Amino acid sequence: MSLSRPPLRVQGLVRRYGALEAVAGLSLGVSSGEIVGFLGANGAGKTTTLRCIAGLLSPHEGHIEVAGADLAREPRVAKARLGFVPDRPYLYDRLSAREFLAFVAALYDLPAEAAERRAESLLERLELAADASRTIESYSLGMRQKTAVIAALLHSPPLLLLDEPLNGLDPASTRTLKDLLREHASAGGGVLVSTHLLDVAERLCDRVVILRAGRVIAQGTLAELRGAHADRSLEDVFLELGRDAG
């Protein structure tokens, strides 16, 4: 995956709900080969930001560019260059996982045989192949999450957006997902992942962006956030920022 433009550039993003400014002038980026953790307390604006980047919400101000495509001017191109796993994935319950993935492949105009091989490989990796002919309505939360992850990865997009992607996953599947995200980044893609699991972010992410009240209050590598206190964990940094806000 060779990209001449970064997978994601966000400048001055603003999104309001009535008088509430859920995202307030937020700017961030994701470079090729990078996994960025998106952290913050509930209500900080993480999900709203991800939905704006994915094109599901229209920002009131700001600029979003996905792998060189302006989301406002080229929405179809920009959306084709990302894969999104929302916090509550919507799946077609009457389809099997295989049928759903074939439908997703058709939406992206992927060659059918190549898409089928890619889907089967991912189904095997996430230990869903044995159940992939069952209808999704019979799936557990974890199985539905795996299906959504595979759908997002199917077209190998320059940008992956994931909102709490570990919900419902057992330890083995969690490890496999982390491996898949690292492989995606190693191939030149970018990943922006929202999670409340600070220990996961600490082990997985190259850099983190910490949000409060719709604003970026800190960002950088773990070493940069630790500063002179090299023994501090990401949890220590996060809680210290919270105390400073008080």
C-alpha atoms as a PDB file:
ATOM      1  CA  MET A   1       0.000   0.000   0.000  1.00  0.00           C
ATOM      2  CA  SER A   2       1.916   3.013  -1.249  1.00  0.00           C
ATOM      3  CA  LEU A   3       0.445   6.424  -0.467  1.00  0.00           C
ATOM      4  CA  SER A   4       1.688   9.819  -1.615  1.00  0.00           C
ATOM      5  CA  ARG A   5      -0.710  11.586   0.766  1.00  0.00           C
ATOM      6  CA  PRO A   6      -1.241  10.841   4.446  1.00  0.00           C
ATOM      7  CA  PRO A   7      -4.206   8.582   5.225  1.00  0.00           C
ATOM      8  CA  LEU A   8      -5.898  11.300   7.280  1.00  0.00           C
ATOM      9  CA  ARG A   9      -5.759  15.063   7.749  1.00  0.00           C
ATOM     10  CA  VAL A  10      -8.324  16.873   9.887  1.00  0.00           C
ATOM     11  CA  GLN A  11      -8.167  20.644  10.343  1.00  0.00           C
ATOM     12  CA  GLY A  12     -10.395  22.776  12.570  1.00  0.00           C
ATOM     13  CA  LEU A  13     -13.247  20.269  12.867  1.00  0.00           C
ATOM     14  CA  VAL A  14     -16.364  21.617  14.576  1.00  0.00           C
ATOM     15  CA  ARG A  15     -19.581  19.691  15.166  1.00  0.00           C
ATOM     16  CA  ARG A  16     -22.473  21.001  17.239  1.00  0.00           C
ATOM     17  CA  TYR A  17     -25.644  19.489  18.658  1.00  0.00           C
ATOM     18  CA  GLY A  18     -27.804  22.510  19.264  1.00  0.00           C
ATOM     19  CA  ALA A  19     -25.911  24.723  21.707  1.00  0.00           C
ATOM     20  CA  LEU A  20     -23.477  21.926  22.585  1.00  0.00           C
ATOM     21  CA  GLU A  21     -20.170  22.022  20.738  1.00  0.00           C
ATOM     22  CA  ALA A  22     -19.270  18.338  20.785  1.00  0.00           C
ATOM     23  CA  VAL A  23     -16.118  18.830  18.695  1.00  0.00           C
ATOM     24  CA  ALA A  24     -14.457  22.215  19.029  1.00  0.00           C
ATOM     25  CA  GLY A  25     -11.839  23.091  16.426  1.00  0.00           C
ATOM     26  CA  LEU A  26     -10.135  19.689  16.452  1.00  0.00           C
ATOM     27  CA  SER A  27      -7.084  19.011  14.262  1.00  0.00           C
ATOM     28  CA  LEU A  28      -5.271  15.698  13.925  1.00  0.00           C
ATOM     29  CA  GLY A  29      -3.533  13.511  11.392  1.00  0.00           C
ATOM     30  CA  VAL A  30      -2.592   9.909  10.759  1.00  0.00           C
ATOM     31  CA  SER A  31       0.535   9.106   8.763  1.00  0.00           C
ATOM     32  CA  SER A  32       1.210   6.061   6.625  1.00  0.00           C
ATOM     33  CA  GLY A  33       2.375   3.156   8.745  1.00  0.00           C
ATOM     34  CA  GLU A  34       0.999   4.655  11.941  1.00  0.00           C
ATOM     35  CA  ILE A  35      -1.516   3.446  14.534  1.00  0.00           C
ATOM     36  CA  VAL A  36      -2.941   6.381  16.475  1.00  0.00           C
ATOM     37  CA  GLY A  37      -4.922   5.900  19.671  1.00  0.00           C
ATOM     38  CA  PHE A  38      -7.869   8.243  20.180  1.00  0.00           C
ATOM     39  CA  LEU A  39      -8.504   8.582  23.906  1.00  0.00           C
ATOM     40  CA  GLY A  40     -10.848  10.478  26.165  1.00  0.00           C
ATOM     41  CA  ALA A  41     -13.569  10.095  28.762  1.00  0.00           C
ATOM     42  CA  ASN A  42     -17.147   9.324  27.746  1.00  0.00           C
ATOM     43  CA  GLY A  43     -18.616  12.382  26.062  1.00  0.00           C
ATOM     44  CA  ALA A  44     -15.237  13.787  25.016  1.00  0.00           C
ATOM     45  CA  GLY A  45     -16.237  13.788  21.346  1.00  0.00           C
ATOM     46  CA  LYS A  46     -14.390  10.730  20.049  1.00  0.00           C
ATOM     47  CA  THR A  47     -17.348   8.993  18.408  1.00  0.00           C
ATOM     48  CA  THR A  48     -18.649  12.240  16.905  1.00  0.00           C
ATOM     49  CA  THR A  49     -15.214  12.903  15.411  1.00  0.00           C
ATOM     50  CA  LEU A  50     -14.981   9.421  13.920  1.00  0.00           C
ATOM     51  CA  ARG A  51     -18.472   9.692  12.438  1.00  0.00           C
ATOM     52  CA  CYS A  52     -17.565  13.005  10.837  1.00  0.00           C
ATOM     53  CA  ILE A  53     -14.391  11.501   9.340  1.00  0.00           C
ATOM     54  CA  ALA A  54     -16.408   8.527   8.052  1.00  0.00           C
ATOM     55  CA  GLY A  55     -18.896  10.868   6.386  1.00  0.00           C
ATOM     56  CA  LEU A  56     -21.836   9.835   8.572  1.00  0.00           C
ATOM     57  CA  LEU A  57     -22.119  13.287  10.148  1.00  0.00           C
ATOM     58  CA  SER A  58     -21.589  16.619   8.431  1.00  0.00           C
ATOM     59  CA  PRO A  59     -19.211  18.950  10.263  1.00  0.00           C
ATOM     60  CA  HIS A  60     -20.269  22.545  10.795  1.00  0.00           C
ATOM     61  CA  GLU A  61     -16.721  23.754  10.193  1.00  0.00           C
ATOM     62  CA  GLY A  62     -13.385  22.286   9.240  1.00  0.00           C
ATOM     63  CA  HIS A  63     -11.653  20.230   6.585  1.00  0.00           C
ATOM     64  CA  ILE A  64     -11.272  16.436   6.341  1.00  0.00           C
ATOM     65  CA  GLU A  65      -9.001  14.760   3.806  1.00  0.00           C
ATOM     66  CA  VAL A  66      -8.749  10.964   3.428  1.00  0.00           C
ATOM     67  CA  ALA A  67      -5.667   9.812   1.498  1.00  0.00           C
ATOM     68  CA  GLY A  68      -5.722  13.005  -0.545  1.00  0.00           C
ATOM     69  CA  ALA A  69      -9.492  13.077  -1.176  1.00  0.00           C
ATOM     70  CA  ASP A  70     -11.450  16.016   0.241  1.00  0.00           C
ATOM     71  CA  LEU A  71     -14.465  14.538   2.041  1.00  0.00           C
ATOM     72  CA  ALA A  72     -16.681  17.549   1.308  1.00  0.00           C
ATOM     73  CA  ARG A  73     -15.829  17.808  -2.407  1.00  0.00           C
ATOM     74  CA  GLU A  74     -15.220  14.115  -3.189  1.00  0.00           C
ATOM     75  CA  PRO A  75     -17.314  12.149  -0.687  1.00  0.00           C
ATOM     76  CA  ARG A  76     -17.494   8.929  -2.718  1.00  0.00           C
ATOM     77  CA  VAL A  77     -13.744   8.865  -3.326  1.00  0.00           C
ATOM     78  CA  ALA A  78     -12.906   9.710   0.286  1.00  0.00           C
ATOM     79  CA  LYS A  79     -15.282   7.096   1.708  1.00  0.00           C
ATOM     80  CA  ALA A  80     -13.882   4.447  -0.649  1.00  0.00           C
ATOM     81  CA  ARG A  81     -10.458   5.086   0.883  1.00  0.00           C
ATOM     82  CA  LEU A  82     -11.476   4.239   4.433  1.00  0.00           C
ATOM     83  CA  GLY A  83     -12.863   1.333   6.403  1.00  0.00           C
ATOM     84  CA  PHE A  84     -14.974   2.072   9.476  1.00  0.00           C
ATOM     85  CA  VAL A  85     -15.920  -0.105  12.435  1.00  0.00           C
ATOM     86  CA  PRO A  86     -18.448   1.943  14.457  1.00  0.00           C
ATOM     87  CA  ASP A  87     -19.193   1.449  18.124  1.00  0.00           C
ATOM     88  CA  ARG A  88     -22.480  -0.235  17.157  1.00  0.00           C
ATOM     89  CA  PRO A  89     -21.943  -1.914  13.771  1.00  0.00           C
ATOM     90  CA  TYR A  90     -25.003  -2.210  11.562  1.00  0.00           C
ATOM     91  CA  LEU A  91     -25.154  -5.557   9.807  1.00  0.00           C
ATOM     92  CA  TYR A  92     -27.848  -7.221   7.698  1.00  0.00           C
ATOM     93  CA  ASP A  93     -29.144  -9.880  10.066  1.00  0.00           C
ATOM     94  CA  ARG A  94     -30.791 -12.056   7.411  1.00  0.00           C
ATOM     95  CA  LEU A  95     -27.524 -12.465   5.518  1.00  0.00           C
ATOM     96  CA  SER A  96     -24.729 -14.832   6.448  1.00  0.00           C
ATOM     97  CA  ALA A  97     -21.292 -13.358   7.076  1.00  0.00           C
ATOM     98  CA  ARG A  98     -20.129 -14.634   3.678  1.00  0.00           C
ATOM     99  CA  GLU A  99     -23.122 -13.065   1.933  1.00  0.00           C
ATOM    100  CA  PHE A 100     -22.620  -9.795   3.783  1.00  0.00           C
ATOM    101  CA  LEU A 101     -18.930  -9.667   2.855  1.00  0.00           C
ATOM    102  CA  ALA A 102     -19.752 -10.420  -0.801  1.00  0.00           C
ATOM    103  CA  PHE A 103     -22.228  -7.516  -0.678  1.00  0.00           C
ATOM    104  CA  VAL A 104     -19.562  -5.209   0.794  1.00  0.00           C
ATOM    105  CA  ALA A 105     -17.064  -6.314  -1.875  1.00  0.00           C
ATOM    106  CA  ALA A 106     -19.593  -5.451  -4.592  1.00  0.00           C
ATOM    107  CA  LEU A 107     -20.102  -1.984  -3.091  1.00  0.00           C
ATOM    108  CA  TYR A 108     -16.359  -1.367  -3.442  1.00  0.00           C
ATOM    109  CA  ASP A 109     -16.286  -2.868  -6.969  1.00  0.00           C
ATOM    110  CA  LEU A 110     -13.776  -5.493  -5.869  1.00  0.00           C
ATOM    111  CA  PRO A 111     -13.140  -8.454  -8.213  1.00  0.00           C
ATOM    112  CA  ALA A 112     -15.368 -11.227  -6.868  1.00  0.00           C
ATOM    113  CA  GLU A 113     -12.812 -14.041  -6.751  1.00  0.00           C
ATOM    114  CA  ALA A 114     -10.077 -11.937  -5.148  1.00  0.00           C
ATOM    115  CA  ALA A 115     -12.561 -10.534  -2.623  1.00  0.00           C
ATOM    116  CA  GLU A 116     -13.737 -14.030  -1.753  1.00  0.00           C
ATOM    117  CA  ARG A 117     -10.156 -15.175  -1.140  1.00  0.00           C
ATOM    118  CA  ARG A 118      -9.493 -12.117   1.013  1.00  0.00           C
ATOM    119  CA  ALA A 119     -12.705 -12.663   2.976  1.00  0.00           C
ATOM    120  CA  GLU A 120     -11.951 -16.346   3.589  1.00  0.00           C
ATOM    121  CA  SER A 121      -8.455 -15.509   4.785  1.00  0.00           C
ATOM    122  CA  LEU A 122      -9.802 -12.967   7.279  1.00  0.00           C
ATOM    123  CA  LEU A 123     -12.603 -15.301   8.391  1.00  0.00           C
ATOM    124  CA  GLU A 124      -9.980 -17.945   9.140  1.00  0.00           C
ATOM    125  CA  ARG A 125      -7.722 -15.498  10.948  1.00  0.00           C
ATOM    126  CA  LEU A 126     -10.556 -14.380  13.218  1.00  0.00           C
ATOM    127  CA  GLU A 127     -11.889 -17.939  13.684  1.00  0.00           C
ATOM    128  CA  LEU A 128     -15.248 -17.155  12.105  1.00  0.00           C
ATOM    129  CA  ALA A 129     -15.024 -19.376   9.010  1.00  0.00           C
ATOM    130  CA  ALA A 130     -16.899 -22.296  10.603  1.00  0.00           C
ATOM    131  CA  ASP A 131     -19.891 -20.034  11.336  1.00  0.00           C
ATOM    132  CA  ALA A 132     -19.714 -17.793   8.276  1.00  0.00           C
ATOM    133  CA  SER A 133     -22.644 -19.514   6.510  1.00  0.00           C
ATOM    134  CA  ARG A 134     -24.999 -18.928   9.436  1.00  0.00           C
ATOM    135  CA  THR A 135     -27.199 -15.852   9.384  1.00  0.00           C
ATOM    136  CA  ILE A 136     -25.845 -12.891  11.310  1.00  0.00           C
ATOM    137  CA  GLU A 137     -28.991 -12.704  13.447  1.00  0.00           C
ATOM    138  CA  SER A 138     -27.730 -15.801  15.288  1.00  0.00           C
ATOM    139  CA  TYR A 139     -24.332 -14.249  16.073  1.00  0.00           C
ATOM    140  CA  SER A 140     -22.979 -13.233  19.453  1.00  0.00           C
ATOM    141  CA  LEU A 141     -21.658  -9.704  20.020  1.00  0.00           C
ATOM    142  CA  GLY A 142     -18.117 -10.893  19.394  1.00  0.00           C
ATOM    143  CA  MET A 143     -19.019 -12.630  16.136  1.00  0.00           C
ATOM    144  CA  ARG A 144     -20.812  -9.528  14.893  1.00  0.00           C
ATOM    145  CA  GLN A 145     -17.770  -7.450  15.796  1.00  0.00           C
ATOM    146  CA  LYS A 146     -15.491  -9.789  13.849  1.00  0.00           C
ATOM    147  CA  THR A 147     -17.763  -9.516  10.806  1.00  0.00           C
ATOM    148  CA  ALA A 148     -17.658  -5.718  10.973  1.00  0.00           C
ATOM    149  CA  VAL A 149     -13.862  -5.733  11.275  1.00  0.00           C
ATOM    150  CA  ILE A 150     -13.492  -8.025   8.256  1.00  0.00           C
ATOM    151  CA  ALA A 151     -15.821  -5.802   6.221  1.00  0.00           C
ATOM    152  CA  ALA A 152     -13.669  -2.763   7.060  1.00  0.00           C
ATOM    153  CA  LEU A 153     -10.451  -4.562   6.119  1.00  0.00           C
ATOM    154  CA  LEU A 154     -11.787  -6.239   2.977  1.00  0.00           C
ATOM    155  CA  HIS A 155     -10.700  -3.577   0.478  1.00  0.00           C
ATOM    156  CA  SER A 156      -7.377  -2.828   2.251  1.00  0.00           C
ATOM    157  CA  PRO A 157      -8.195   0.880   2.609  1.00  0.00           C
ATOM    158  CA  PRO A 158      -5.540   3.544   3.205  1.00  0.00           C
ATOM    159  CA  LEU A 159      -7.345   4.538   6.431  1.00  0.00           C
ATOM    160  CA  LEU A 160      -8.956   2.367   9.096  1.00  0.00           C
ATOM    161  CA  LEU A 161     -11.257   3.959  11.688  1.00  0.00           C
ATOM    162  CA  LEU A 162     -12.246   1.832  14.669  1.00  0.00           C
ATOM    163  CA  ASP A 163     -14.503   2.880  17.545  1.00  0.00           C
ATOM    164  CA  GLU A 164     -14.031   0.556  20.540  1.00  0.00           C
ATOM    165  CA  PRO A 165     -13.232  -2.402  18.247  1.00  0.00           C
ATOM    166  CA  LEU A 166     -12.457  -4.864  21.049  1.00  0.00           C
ATOM    167  CA  ASN A 167     -16.053  -4.953  22.341  1.00  0.00           C
ATOM    168  CA  GLY A 168     -17.134  -8.575  22.702  1.00  0.00           C
ATOM    169  CA  LEU A 169     -13.839 -10.079  21.545  1.00  0.00           C
ATOM    170  CA  ASP A 170     -12.169 -12.866  23.518  1.00  0.00           C
ATOM    171  CA  PRO A 171      -8.416 -12.671  24.276  1.00  0.00           C
ATOM    172  CA  ALA A 172      -7.398 -14.739  21.230  1.00  0.00           C
ATOM    173  CA  SER A 173      -9.479 -12.610  18.845  1.00  0.00           C
ATOM    174  CA  THR A 174      -8.207  -9.440  20.512  1.00  0.00           C
ATOM    175  CA  ARG A 175      -4.652 -10.537  19.828  1.00  0.00           C
ATOM    176  CA  THR A 176      -5.478 -11.396  16.213  1.00  0.00           C
ATOM    177  CA  LEU A 177      -7.127  -8.016  15.664  1.00  0.00           C
ATOM    178  CA  LYS A 178      -4.085  -6.221  17.061  1.00  0.00           C
ATOM    179  CA  ASP A 179      -1.888  -8.282  14.719  1.00  0.00           C
ATOM    180  CA  LEU A 180      -4.113  -7.360  11.751  1.00  0.00           C
ATOM    181  CA  LEU A 181      -3.930  -3.664  12.605  1.00  0.00           C
ATOM    182  CA  ARG A 182      -0.159  -3.783  12.864  1.00  0.00           C
ATOM    183  CA  GLU A 183       0.049  -5.646   9.535  1.00  0.00           C
ATOM    184  CA  HIS A 184      -2.184  -3.014   7.940  1.00  0.00           C
ATOM    185  CA  ALA A 185       0.076  -0.241   9.207  1.00  0.00           C
ATOM    186  CA  SER A 186       3.223  -2.114   8.154  1.00  0.00           C
ATOM    187  CA  ALA A 187       1.787  -2.282   4.624  1.00  0.00           C
ATOM    188  CA  GLY A 188       1.561   1.528   4.577  1.00  0.00           C
ATOM    189  CA  GLY A 189      -1.971   2.112   5.844  1.00  0.00           C
ATOM    190  CA  GLY A 190      -2.991   4.325   8.740  1.00  0.00           C
ATOM    191  CA  VAL A 191      -5.181   3.420  11.712  1.00  0.00           C
ATOM    192  CA  LEU A 192      -7.145   5.664  14.067  1.00  0.00           C
ATOM    193  CA  VAL A 193      -8.569   3.629  16.932  1.00  0.00           C
ATOM    194  CA  SER A 194     -10.734   4.872  19.779  1.00  0.00           C
ATOM    195  CA  THR A 195     -10.509   2.784  22.929  1.00  0.00           C
ATOM    196  CA  HIS A 196     -11.075   3.171  26.647  1.00  0.00           C
ATOM    197  CA  LEU A 197      -8.563   0.379  27.323  1.00  0.00           C
ATOM    198  CA  LEU A 198      -5.447   2.392  28.108  1.00  0.00           C
ATOM    199  CA  ASP A 199      -3.217  -0.645  28.491  1.00  0.00           C
ATOM    200  CA  VAL A 200      -4.200  -1.783  24.975  1.00  0.00           C
ATOM    201  CA  ALA A 201      -3.482   1.680  23.573  1.00  0.00           C
ATOM    202  CA  GLU A 202      -0.134   1.710  25.340  1.00  0.00           C
ATOM    203  CA  ARG A 203       0.955  -1.572  23.756  1.00  0.00           C
ATOM    204  CA  LEU A 204      -0.621  -1.080  20.326  1.00  0.00           C
ATOM    205  CA  CYS A 205      -0.360   2.557  19.337  1.00  0.00           C
ATOM    206  CA  ASP A 206       2.580   4.499  17.933  1.00  0.00           C
ATOM    207  CA  ARG A 207       1.049   7.767  19.082  1.00  0.00           C
ATOM    208  CA  VAL A 208      -1.996   8.870  21.064  1.00  0.00           C
ATOM    209  CA  VAL A 209      -4.341  11.845  20.888  1.00  0.00           C
ATOM    210  CA  ILE A 210      -6.186  12.699  24.101  1.00  0.00           C
ATOM    211  CA  LEU A 211      -9.478  14.547  23.833  1.00  0.00           C
ATOM    212  CA  ARG A 212     -11.496  16.474  26.397  1.00  0.00           C
ATOM    213  CA  ALA A 213     -14.714  18.389  25.693  1.00  0.00           C
ATOM    214  CA  GLY A 214     -14.103  18.135  21.962  1.00  0.00           C
ATOM    215  CA  ARG A 215     -10.583  19.557  22.120  1.00  0.00           C
ATOM    216  CA  VAL A 216      -7.168  17.931  21.857  1.00  0.00           C
ATOM    217  CA  ILE A 217      -5.445  18.435  25.202  1.00  0.00           C
ATOM    218  CA  ALA A 218      -2.381  16.257  24.567  1.00  0.00           C
ATOM    219  CA  GLN A 219      -0.857  14.198  21.800  1.00  0.00           C
ATOM    220  CA  GLY A 220       2.393  12.473  21.004  1.00  0.00           C
ATOM    221  CA  THR A 221       4.259   9.242  21.472  1.00  0.00           C
ATOM    222  CA  LEU A 222       4.169   7.636  24.888  1.00  0.00           C
ATOM    223  CA  ALA A 223       7.761   8.745  25.467  1.00  0.00           C
ATOM    224  CA  GLU A 224       6.801  12.340  24.648  1.00  0.00           C
ATOM    225  CA  LEU A 225       3.793  12.245  26.988  1.00  0.00           C
ATOM    226  CA  ARG A 226       5.823  10.722  29.788  1.00  0.00           C
ATOM    227  CA  GLY A 227       8.315  13.551  29.573  1.00  0.00           C
ATOM    228  CA  ALA A 228      10.979  13.356  32.234  1.00  0.00           C
ATOM    229  CA  HIS A 229       9.068  10.609  34.088  1.00  0.00           C
ATOM    230  CA  ALA A 230       9.967   7.590  31.944  1.00  0.00           C
ATOM    231  CA  ASP A 231       8.320   5.140  34.351  1.00  0.00           C
ATOM    232  CA  ARG A 232       4.834   6.631  33.995  1.00  0.00           C
ATOM    233  CA  SER A 233       2.168   4.555  32.263  1.00  0.00           C
ATOM    234  CA  LEU A 234      -0.365   5.934  29.823  1.00  0.00           C
ATOM    235  CA  GLU A 235      -2.938   5.575  32.600  1.00  0.00           C
ATOM    236  CA  ASP A 236      -0.767   7.782  34.841  1.00  0.00           C
ATOM    237  CA  VAL A 237      -0.556  10.420  32.100  1.00  0.00           C
ATOM    238  CA  PHE A 238      -4.291  10.265  31.398  1.00  0.00           C
ATOM    239  CA  LEU A 239      -5.267  10.601  35.069  1.00  0.00           C
ATOM    240  CA  GLU A 240      -2.787  13.410  35.622  1.00  0.00           C
ATOM    241  CA  LEU A 241      -4.317  15.363  32.747  1.00  0.00           C
ATOM    242  CA  GLY A 242      -7.711  14.813  34.370  1.00  0.00           C
ATOM    243  CA  ARG A 243      -6.476  16.188  37.679  1.00  0.00           C
ATOM    244  CA  ASP A 244      -4.987  19.199  35.925  1.00  0.00           C
ATOM    245  CA  ALA A 245      -8.408  19.886  34.387  1.00  0.00           C
ATOM    246  CA  GLY A 246      -9.963  19.990  37.819  1.00  0.00           C
END
